């Protein structure tokens, strides 16, 4: 079956971590991502892990689709700003 062969040749460019959160290949490594999420959860306890991850993804979109080269503190600050602005609507 040619379909099976083509699937094997396709590399997976993104993945879902064990908690089910989409992890972009353009993002931080998993341990940095997890630390960032935990820090944001402490700052914004009213938000779910998924909502916090969405805010981090929004920071990535704002930075031309990548987080590489950004300091974690900078990503945290920008994601925190996004969550703060959503808090009024939350």
PDB file of N, CA and C in Angstrom:
ATOM      1  N   UNK A   1       0.849  -1.200   0.000  1.00  0.00           N
ATOM      2  CA  UNK A   1       0.000   0.000   0.000  1.00  0.00           C
ATOM      3  C   UNK A   1       0.884   1.248   0.000  1.00  0.00           C
ATOM      4  N   UNK A   2       0.835   2.057  -1.042  1.00  0.00           N
ATOM      5  CA  UNK A   2       1.701   3.245  -1.101  1.00  0.00           C
ATOM      6  C   UNK A   2       1.376   4.271  -0.016  1.00  0.00           C
ATOM      7  N   UNK A   3       0.163   4.278   0.468  1.00  0.00           N
ATOM      8  CA  UNK A   3      -0.229   5.213   1.529  1.00  0.00           C
ATOM      9  C   UNK A   3       0.567   4.999   2.796  1.00  0.00           C
ATOM     10  N   UNK A   4       0.808   3.745   3.149  1.00  0.00           N
ATOM     11  CA  UNK A   4       1.568   3.446   4.368  1.00  0.00           C
ATOM     12  C   UNK A   4       2.998   3.959   4.268  1.00  0.00           C
ATOM     13  N   UNK A   5       3.629   3.736   3.107  1.00  0.00           N
ATOM     14  CA  UNK A   5       5.005   4.194   2.917  1.00  0.00           C
ATOM     15  C   UNK A   5       5.114   5.701   3.051  1.00  0.00           C
ATOM     16  N   UNK A   6       4.166   6.426   2.461  1.00  0.00           N
ATOM     17  CA  UNK A   6       4.248   7.886   2.520  1.00  0.00           C
ATOM     18  C   UNK A   6       4.069   8.377   3.957  1.00  0.00           C
ATOM     19  N   UNK A   7       3.273   7.668   4.745  1.00  0.00           N
ATOM     20  CA  UNK A   7       3.103   8.064   6.149  1.00  0.00           C
ATOM     21  C   UNK A   7       4.399   7.893   6.921  1.00  0.00           C
ATOM     22  N   UNK A   8       5.109   6.807   6.653  1.00  0.00           N
ATOM     23  CA  UNK A   8       6.356   6.551   7.363  1.00  0.00           C
ATOM     24  C   UNK A   8       7.415   7.598   7.036  1.00  0.00           C
ATOM     25  N   UNK A   9       7.378   8.134   5.822  1.00  0.00           N
ATOM     26  CA  UNK A   9       8.375   9.113   5.414  1.00  0.00           C
ATOM     27  C   UNK A   9       8.080  10.505   5.954  1.00  0.00           C
ATOM     28  N   UNK A  10       6.843  10.728   6.348  1.00  0.00           N
ATOM     29  CA  UNK A  10       6.460  12.052   6.843  1.00  0.00           C
ATOM     30  C   UNK A  10       6.994  12.230   8.259  1.00  0.00           C
ATOM     31  N   UNK A  11       7.760  13.284   8.463  1.00  0.00           N
ATOM     32  CA  UNK A  11       8.271  13.519   9.811  1.00  0.00           C
ATOM     33  C   UNK A  11       7.225  14.298  10.601  1.00  0.00           C
ATOM     34  N   UNK A  12       7.176  14.048  11.858  1.00  0.00           N
ATOM     35  CA  UNK A  12       6.220  14.741  12.710  1.00  0.00           C
ATOM     36  C   UNK A  12       6.865  16.042  13.178  1.00  0.00           C
ATOM     37  N   UNK A  13       6.220  17.156  12.851  1.00  0.00           N
ATOM     38  CA  UNK A  13       6.836  18.448  13.141  1.00  0.00           C
ATOM     39  C   UNK A  13       6.312  19.073  14.431  1.00  0.00           C
ATOM     40  N   UNK A  14       5.306  18.468  15.005  1.00  0.00           N
ATOM     41  CA  UNK A  14       4.802  18.983  16.276  1.00  0.00           C
ATOM     42  C   UNK A  14       4.287  17.804  17.073  1.00  0.00           C
ATOM     43  N   UNK A  15       4.066  18.017  18.348  1.00  0.00           N
ATOM     44  CA  UNK A  15       3.642  16.897  19.171  1.00  0.00           C
ATOM     45  C   UNK A  15       2.747  17.390  20.296  1.00  0.00           C
ATOM     46  N   UNK A  16       2.160  16.435  20.977  1.00  0.00           N
ATOM     47  CA  UNK A  16       1.335  16.762  22.144  1.00  0.00           C
ATOM     48  C   UNK A  16       2.039  16.150  23.343  1.00  0.00           C
ATOM     49  N   UNK A  17       2.246  16.936  24.384  1.00  0.00           N
ATOM     50  CA  UNK A  17       2.938  16.386  25.545  1.00  0.00           C
ATOM     51  C   UNK A  17       1.966  15.530  26.359  1.00  0.00           C
ATOM     52  N   UNK A  18       2.424  14.811  27.384  1.00  0.00           N
ATOM     53  CA  UNK A  18       1.547  13.881  28.105  1.00  0.00           C
ATOM     54  C   UNK A  18       0.298  14.521  28.714  1.00  0.00           C
ATOM     55  N   UNK A  19       0.320  15.801  28.997  1.00  0.00           N
ATOM     56  CA  UNK A  19      -0.870  16.414  29.572  1.00  0.00           C
ATOM     57  C   UNK A  19      -1.851  16.857  28.488  1.00  0.00           C
ATOM     58  N   UNK A  20      -1.510  16.578  27.218  1.00  0.00           N
ATOM     59  CA  UNK A  20      -2.438  16.877  26.139  1.00  0.00           C
ATOM     60  C   UNK A  20      -2.300  18.275  25.568  1.00  0.00           C
ATOM     61  N   UNK A  21      -1.284  19.013  25.986  1.00  0.00           N
ATOM     62  CA  UNK A  21      -1.106  20.368  25.474  1.00  0.00           C
ATOM     63  C   UNK A  21      -0.216  20.326  24.240  1.00  0.00           C
ATOM     64  N   UNK A  22      -0.663  20.991  23.202  1.00  0.00           N
ATOM     65  CA  UNK A  22       0.103  21.057  21.962  1.00  0.00           C
ATOM     66  C   UNK A  22       1.433  21.764  22.225  1.00  0.00           C
ATOM     67  N   UNK A  23       2.501  21.156  21.790  1.00  0.00           N
ATOM     68  CA  UNK A  23       3.823  21.759  21.956  1.00  0.00           C
ATOM     69  C   UNK A  23       4.383  22.017  20.568  1.00  0.00           C
ATOM     70  N   UNK A  24       4.629  23.253  20.280  1.00  0.00           N
ATOM     71  CA  UNK A  24       5.126  23.620  18.973  1.00  0.00           C
ATOM     72  C   UNK A  24       6.614  23.326  18.854  1.00  0.00           C
ATOM     73  N   UNK A  25       7.046  22.871  17.691  1.00  0.00           N
ATOM     74  CA  UNK A  25       8.489  22.675  17.506  1.00  0.00           C
ATOM     75  C   UNK A  25       9.236  24.008  17.515  1.00  0.00           C
ATOM     76  N   UNK A  26       8.497  25.099  17.392  1.00  0.00           N
ATOM     77  CA  UNK A  26       9.120  26.424  17.388  1.00  0.00           C
ATOM     78  C   UNK A  26       9.157  27.014  18.798  1.00  0.00           C
ATOM     79  N   UNK A  27       8.715  26.236  19.757  1.00  0.00           N
ATOM     80  CA  UNK A  27       8.613  26.754  21.122  1.00  0.00           C
ATOM     81  C   UNK A  27       9.834  26.366  21.946  1.00  0.00           C
ATOM     82  N   UNK A  28       9.683  26.466  23.222  1.00  0.00           N
ATOM     83  CA  UNK A  28      10.742  26.139  24.168  1.00  0.00           C
ATOM     84  C   UNK A  28      10.888  24.636  24.273  1.00  0.00           C
ATOM     85  N   UNK A  29      11.970  24.183  24.884  1.00  0.00           N
ATOM     86  CA  UNK A  29      12.029  22.755  25.140  1.00  0.00           C
ATOM     87  C   UNK A  29      11.004  22.443  26.238  1.00  0.00           C
ATOM     88  N   UNK A  30      10.668  21.181  26.380  1.00  0.00           N
ATOM     89  CA  UNK A  30       9.544  20.808  27.241  1.00  0.00           C
ATOM     90  C   UNK A  30       9.737  21.226  28.696  1.00  0.00           C
ATOM     91  N   UNK A  31      10.955  21.088  29.244  1.00  0.00           N
ATOM     92  CA  UNK A  31      11.145  21.445  30.648  1.00  0.00           C
ATOM     93  C   UNK A  31      10.993  22.953  30.850  1.00  0.00           C
ATOM     94  N   UNK A  32      11.495  23.746  29.906  1.00  0.00           N
ATOM     95  CA  UNK A  32      11.327  25.205  30.007  1.00  0.00           C
ATOM     96  C   UNK A  32       9.858  25.579  29.874  1.00  0.00           C
ATOM     97  N   UNK A  33       9.169  24.924  28.943  1.00  0.00           N
ATOM     98  CA  UNK A  33       7.752  25.178  28.717  1.00  0.00           C
ATOM     99  C   UNK A  33       6.958  24.861  29.991  1.00  0.00           C
ATOM    100  N   UNK A  34       7.266  23.723  30.610  1.00  0.00           N
ATOM    101  CA  UNK A  34       6.566  23.308  31.830  1.00  0.00           C
ATOM    102  C   UNK A  34       6.822  24.300  32.966  1.00  0.00           C
ATOM    103  N   UNK A  35       8.068  24.741  33.120  1.00  0.00           N
ATOM    104  CA  UNK A  35       8.393  25.728  34.158  1.00  0.00           C
ATOM    105  C   UNK A  35       7.642  27.026  33.912  1.00  0.00           C
ATOM    106  N   UNK A  36       7.605  27.448  32.657  1.00  0.00           N
ATOM    107  CA  UNK A  36       6.909  28.679  32.298  1.00  0.00           C
ATOM    108  C   UNK A  36       5.423  28.572  32.631  1.00  0.00           C
ATOM    109  N   UNK A  37       4.805  27.459  32.275  1.00  0.00           N
ATOM    110  CA  UNK A  37       3.377  27.249  32.556  1.00  0.00           C
ATOM    111  C   UNK A  37       3.142  27.277  34.070  1.00  0.00           C
ATOM    112  N   UNK A  38       4.006  26.609  34.835  1.00  0.00           N
ATOM    113  CA  UNK A  38       3.838  26.578  36.298  1.00  0.00           C
ATOM    114  C   UNK A  38       3.953  27.979  36.902  1.00  0.00           C
ATOM    115  N   UNK A  39       4.911  28.767  36.392  1.00  0.00           N
ATOM    116  CA  UNK A  39       5.073  30.133  36.911  1.00  0.00           C
ATOM    117  C   UNK A  39       3.850  30.975  36.590  1.00  0.00           C
ATOM    118  N   UNK A  40       3.313  30.809  35.386  1.00  0.00           N
ATOM    119  CA  UNK A  40       2.127  31.564  34.999  1.00  0.00           C
ATOM    120  C   UNK A  40       0.890  31.100  35.774  1.00  0.00           C
ATOM    121  N   UNK A  41       0.834  29.798  36.108  1.00  0.00           N
ATOM    122  CA  UNK A  41      -0.282  29.287  36.911  1.00  0.00           C
ATOM    123  C   UNK A  41      -0.279  29.904  38.309  1.00  0.00           C
ATOM    124  N   UNK A  42       0.916  30.124  38.860  1.00  0.00           N
ATOM    125  CA  UNK A  42       1.005  30.766  40.187  1.00  0.00           C
ATOM    126  C   UNK A  42       0.528  32.209  40.108  1.00  0.00           C
ATOM    127  N   UNK A  43       0.902  32.906  39.032  1.00  0.00           N
ATOM    128  CA  UNK A  43       0.511  34.307  38.861  1.00  0.00           C
ATOM    129  C   UNK A  43      -0.967  34.459  38.533  1.00  0.00           C
ATOM    130  N   UNK A  44      -1.509  33.483  37.814  1.00  0.00           N
ATOM    131  CA  UNK A  44      -2.885  33.563  37.314  1.00  0.00           C
ATOM    132  C   UNK A  44      -3.639  32.274  37.664  1.00  0.00           C
ATOM    133  N   UNK A  45      -3.910  32.063  38.949  1.00  0.00           N
ATOM    134  CA  UNK A  45      -4.520  30.789  39.365  1.00  0.00           C
ATOM    135  C   UNK A  45      -5.946  30.570  38.826  1.00  0.00           C
ATOM    136  N   UNK A  46      -6.597  31.617  38.338  1.00  0.00           N
ATOM    137  CA  UNK A  46      -7.949  31.470  37.814  1.00  0.00           C
ATOM    138  C   UNK A  46      -8.017  30.872  36.421  1.00  0.00           C
ATOM    139  N   UNK A  47      -6.859  30.686  35.792  1.00  0.00           N
ATOM    140  CA  UNK A  47      -6.832  30.185  34.420  1.00  0.00           C
ATOM    141  C   UNK A  47      -6.422  28.713  34.397  1.00  0.00           C
ATOM    142  N   UNK A  48      -6.988  27.975  33.442  1.00  0.00           N
ATOM    143  CA  UNK A  48      -6.608  26.568  33.273  1.00  0.00           C
ATOM    144  C   UNK A  48      -5.244  26.498  32.581  1.00  0.00           C
ATOM    145  N   UNK A  49      -4.652  25.335  32.666  1.00  0.00           N
ATOM    146  CA  UNK A  49      -3.363  25.099  32.003  1.00  0.00           C
ATOM    147  C   UNK A  49      -3.488  25.344  30.493  1.00  0.00           C
ATOM    148  N   UNK A  50      -4.626  24.944  29.924  1.00  0.00           N
ATOM    149  CA  UNK A  50      -4.852  25.121  28.487  1.00  0.00           C
ATOM    150  C   UNK A  50      -4.921  26.607  28.129  1.00  0.00           C
ATOM    151  N   UNK A  51      -5.602  27.393  28.951  1.00  0.00           N
ATOM    152  CA  UNK A  51      -5.710  28.832  28.684  1.00  0.00           C
ATOM    153  C   UNK A  51      -4.335  29.502  28.777  1.00  0.00           C
ATOM    154  N   UNK A  52      -3.530  29.059  29.729  1.00  0.00           N
ATOM    155  CA  UNK A  52      -2.184  29.605  29.886  1.00  0.00           C
ATOM    156  C   UNK A  52      -1.325  29.213  28.680  1.00  0.00           C
ATOM    157  N   UNK A  53      -1.433  27.960  28.246  1.00  0.00           N
ATOM    158  CA  UNK A  53      -0.681  27.516  27.065  1.00  0.00           C
ATOM    159  C   UNK A  53      -1.127  28.305  25.835  1.00  0.00           C
ATOM    160  N   UNK A  54      -2.415  28.610  25.736  1.00  0.00           N
ATOM    161  CA  UNK A  54      -2.909  29.430  24.619  1.00  0.00           C
ATOM    162  C   UNK A  54      -2.262  30.814  24.639  1.00  0.00           C
ATOM    163  N   UNK A  55      -2.101  31.384  25.824  1.00  0.00           N
ATOM    164  CA  UNK A  55      -1.469  32.704  25.938  1.00  0.00           C
ATOM    165  C   UNK A  55      -0.014  32.630  25.467  1.00  0.00           C
ATOM    166  N   UNK A  56       0.679  31.544  25.819  1.00  0.00           N
ATOM    167  CA  UNK A  56       2.071  31.365  25.369  1.00  0.00           C
ATOM    168  C   UNK A  56       2.097  31.231  23.841  1.00  0.00           C
ATOM    169  N   UNK A  57       1.131  30.504  23.287  1.00  0.00           N
ATOM    170  CA  UNK A  57       1.056  30.367  21.828  1.00  0.00           C
ATOM    171  C   UNK A  57       0.771  31.716  21.177  1.00  0.00           C
ATOM    172  N   UNK A  58      -0.015  32.544  21.838  1.00  0.00           N
ATOM    173  CA  UNK A  58      -0.303  33.891  21.317  1.00  0.00           C
ATOM    174  C   UNK A  58       0.983  34.732  21.283  1.00  0.00           C
ATOM    175  N   UNK A  59       1.815  34.598  22.313  1.00  0.00           N
ATOM    176  CA  UNK A  59       3.114  35.295  22.330  1.00  0.00           C
ATOM    177  C   UNK A  59       3.934  34.833  21.127  1.00  0.00           C
ATOM    178  N   UNK A  60       3.908  33.532  20.861  1.00  0.00           N
ATOM    179  CA  UNK A  60       4.644  32.992  19.714  1.00  0.00           C
ATOM    180  C   UNK A  60       4.122  33.609  18.414  1.00  0.00           C
ATOM    181  N   UNK A  61       2.803  33.680  18.270  1.00  0.00           N
ATOM    182  CA  UNK A  61       2.229  34.282  17.058  1.00  0.00           C
ATOM    183  C   UNK A  61       2.660  35.739  16.909  1.00  0.00           C
ATOM    184  N   UNK A  62       2.679  36.462  18.024  1.00  0.00           N
ATOM    185  CA  UNK A  62       3.075  37.871  17.999  1.00  0.00           C
ATOM    186  C   UNK A  62       4.554  38.037  17.638  1.00  0.00           C
ATOM    187  N   UNK A  63       5.342  36.997  17.880  1.00  0.00           N
ATOM    188  CA  UNK A  63       6.788  37.036  17.610  1.00  0.00           C
ATOM    189  C   UNK A  63       7.121  36.294  16.311  1.00  0.00           C
ATOM    190  N   UNK A  64       6.301  36.485  15.293  1.00  0.00           N
ATOM    191  CA  UNK A  64       6.529  35.891  13.960  1.00  0.00           C
ATOM    192  C   UNK A  64       6.569  34.367  13.999  1.00  0.00           C
ATOM    193  N   UNK A  65       5.842  33.761  14.933  1.00  0.00           N
ATOM    194  CA  UNK A  65       5.715  32.305  14.949  1.00  0.00           C
ATOM    195  C   UNK A  65       6.814  31.544  15.656  1.00  0.00           C
ATOM    196  N   UNK A  66       7.721  32.246  16.327  1.00  0.00           N
ATOM    197  CA  UNK A  66       8.792  31.543  17.049  1.00  0.00           C
ATOM    198  C   UNK A  66       8.987  32.131  18.448  1.00  0.00           C
ATOM    199  N   UNK A  67       9.487  31.292  19.334  1.00  0.00           N
ATOM    200  CA  UNK A  67       9.863  31.761  20.670  1.00  0.00           C
ATOM    201  C   UNK A  67      11.378  31.731  20.841  1.00  0.00           C
ATOM    202  N   UNK A  68      12.077  31.066  19.907  1.00  0.00           N
ATOM    203  CA  UNK A  68      13.542  31.013  19.981  1.00  0.00           C
ATOM    204  C   UNK A  68      14.113  32.417  20.029  1.00  0.00           C
ATOM    205  N   UNK A  69      15.086  32.606  20.876  1.00  0.00           N
ATOM    206  CA  UNK A  69      15.737  33.902  20.963  1.00  0.00           C
ATOM    207  C   UNK A  69      15.090  34.833  21.972  1.00  0.00           C
ATOM    208  N   UNK A  70      13.914  34.476  22.443  1.00  0.00           N
ATOM    209  CA  UNK A  70      13.261  35.299  23.475  1.00  0.00           C
ATOM    210  C   UNK A  70      13.621  34.747  24.840  1.00  0.00           C
ATOM    211  N   UNK A  71      13.875  35.626  25.785  1.00  0.00           N
ATOM    212  CA  UNK A  71      14.142  35.182  27.155  1.00  0.00           C
ATOM    213  C   UNK A  71      12.849  34.646  27.757  1.00  0.00           C
ATOM    214  N   UNK A  72      12.963  33.610  28.577  1.00  0.00           N
ATOM    215  CA  UNK A  72      11.771  33.043  29.210  1.00  0.00           C
ATOM    216  C   UNK A  72      11.043  34.115  30.014  1.00  0.00           C
ATOM    217  N   UNK A  73      11.801  34.988  30.679  1.00  0.00           N
ATOM    218  CA  UNK A  73      11.159  36.050  31.466  1.00  0.00           C
ATOM    219  C   UNK A  73      10.338  36.972  30.568  1.00  0.00           C
ATOM    220  N   UNK A  74      10.818  37.209  29.364  1.00  0.00           N
ATOM    221  CA  UNK A  74      10.108  38.043  28.407  1.00  0.00           C
ATOM    222  C   UNK A  74       8.828  37.351  27.921  1.00  0.00           C
ATOM    223  N   UNK A  75       8.931  36.052  27.624  1.00  0.00           N
ATOM    224  CA  UNK A  75       7.752  35.278  27.203  1.00  0.00           C
ATOM    225  C   UNK A  75       6.727  35.269  28.336  1.00  0.00           C
ATOM    226  N   UNK A  76       7.227  35.055  29.576  1.00  0.00           N
ATOM    227  CA  UNK A  76       6.344  35.022  30.745  1.00  0.00           C
ATOM    228  C   UNK A  76       5.618  36.359  30.913  1.00  0.00           C
ATOM    229  N   UNK A  77       6.361  37.435  30.758  1.00  0.00           N
ATOM    230  CA  UNK A  77       5.784  38.770  30.917  1.00  0.00           C
ATOM    231  C   UNK A  77       4.694  39.035  29.875  1.00  0.00           C
ATOM    232  N   UNK A  78       4.987  38.700  28.626  1.00  0.00           N
ATOM    233  CA  UNK A  78       4.013  38.931  27.553  1.00  0.00           C
ATOM    234  C   UNK A  78       2.774  38.042  27.735  1.00  0.00           C
ATOM    235  N   UNK A  79       2.985  36.773  28.091  1.00  0.00           N
ATOM    236  CA  UNK A  79       1.860  35.857  28.312  1.00  0.00           C
ATOM    237  C   UNK A  79       1.036  36.334  29.506  1.00  0.00           C
ATOM    238  N   UNK A  80       1.706  36.843  30.526  1.00  0.00           N
ATOM    239  CA  UNK A  80       1.026  37.370  31.704  1.00  0.00           C
ATOM    240  C   UNK A  80       0.161  38.574  31.341  1.00  0.00           C
ATOM    241  N   UNK A  81       0.686  39.437  30.461  1.00  0.00           N
ATOM    242  CA  UNK A  81      -0.093  40.586  29.982  1.00  0.00           C
ATOM    243  C   UNK A  81      -1.356  40.123  29.257  1.00  0.00           C
ATOM    244  N   UNK A  82      -1.215  39.097  28.419  1.00  0.00           N
ATOM    245  CA  UNK A  82      -2.362  38.557  27.675  1.00  0.00           C
ATOM    246  C   UNK A  82      -3.399  38.017  28.655  1.00  0.00           C
ATOM    247  N   UNK A  83      -2.940  37.251  29.650  1.00  0.00           N
ATOM    248  CA  UNK A  83      -3.863  36.687  30.637  1.00  0.00           C
ATOM    249  C   UNK A  83      -4.528  37.785  31.454  1.00  0.00           C
ATOM    250  N   UNK A  84      -3.763  38.809  31.806  1.00  0.00           N
ATOM    251  CA  UNK A  84      -4.328  39.926  32.575  1.00  0.00           C
ATOM    252  C   UNK A  84      -5.433  40.620  31.789  1.00  0.00           C
ATOM    253  N   UNK A  85      -5.217  40.796  30.485  1.00  0.00           N
ATOM    254  CA  UNK A  85      -6.233  41.446  29.673  1.00  0.00           C
ATOM    255  C   UNK A  85      -7.461  40.558  29.507  1.00  0.00           C
ATOM    256  N   UNK A  86      -7.257  39.237  29.538  1.00  0.00           N
ATOM    257  CA  UNK A  86      -8.387  38.302  29.432  1.00  0.00           C
ATOM    258  C   UNK A  86      -9.132  38.174  30.754  1.00  0.00           C
ATOM    259  N   UNK A  87      -8.453  38.513  31.849  1.00  0.00           N
ATOM    260  CA  UNK A  87      -9.049  38.352  33.168  1.00  0.00           C
ATOM    261  C   UNK A  87     -10.325  39.195  33.307  1.00  0.00           C
ATOM    262  N   UNK A  88     -10.319  40.371  32.687  1.00  0.00           N
ATOM    263  CA  UNK A  88     -11.501  41.222  32.744  1.00  0.00           C
ATOM    264  C   UNK A  88     -12.701  40.503  32.111  1.00  0.00           C
ATOM    265  N   UNK A  89     -12.439  39.735  31.049  1.00  0.00           N
ATOM    266  CA  UNK A  89     -13.518  39.015  30.359  1.00  0.00           C
ATOM    267  C   UNK A  89     -13.818  37.677  31.043  1.00  0.00           C
ATOM    268  N   UNK A  90     -12.865  37.149  31.777  1.00  0.00           N
ATOM    269  CA  UNK A  90     -12.940  35.801  32.359  1.00  0.00           C
ATOM    270  C   UNK A  90     -14.067  35.661  33.332  1.00  0.00           C
TER     271      UNK A  90
END
